[in-house]
Amino acid sequence: MTTKIKLAASKLSENIRNGKPVKTMGQILKESGYSDSVCKHPDRVTKTKAWQQLMEQFLPDENLLRVHKELLENNDWRARDSGLDKAYKIKGKYADNKIQIGASEELEKILDKVSRILP
């Protein structure tokens, strides 16, 4: 795993932690030392196996699912909701405000994990 990809993940986390994201993924990649051509197509980094492994290492889906389950069962949910929202953003689990038609493989995996956890 490269230093650039670790730096990009760290900068993404910092950007999200500071509130609403103020930098695009392309800007974050540029600050991390990636070329302009890669910065114009951030998925060239975020869709790589190395990026996915890094996200899973620091934000395992099992942890997100556990907190999500607790969130659904807890009355005092604001802090957890905020943390969970940030974690999903970091891992790229949101649809980037685009409507997705049909279930993606990633969504199917998450739903499968949720169904195994929930009664």
Foldseek 3Di string as FASTA:
>chain_A
DDPLLVQLLVVLLVQVVVPPRPDDSLVSSVVSPDDNVCSVPVCVNLVDPVNLVVLCVVPNLVVLLVLVVVLVVDPPNPVSVSVSVSSCVSNVVDPVPDDDDDDDPVNVVSVVVNVVVDD
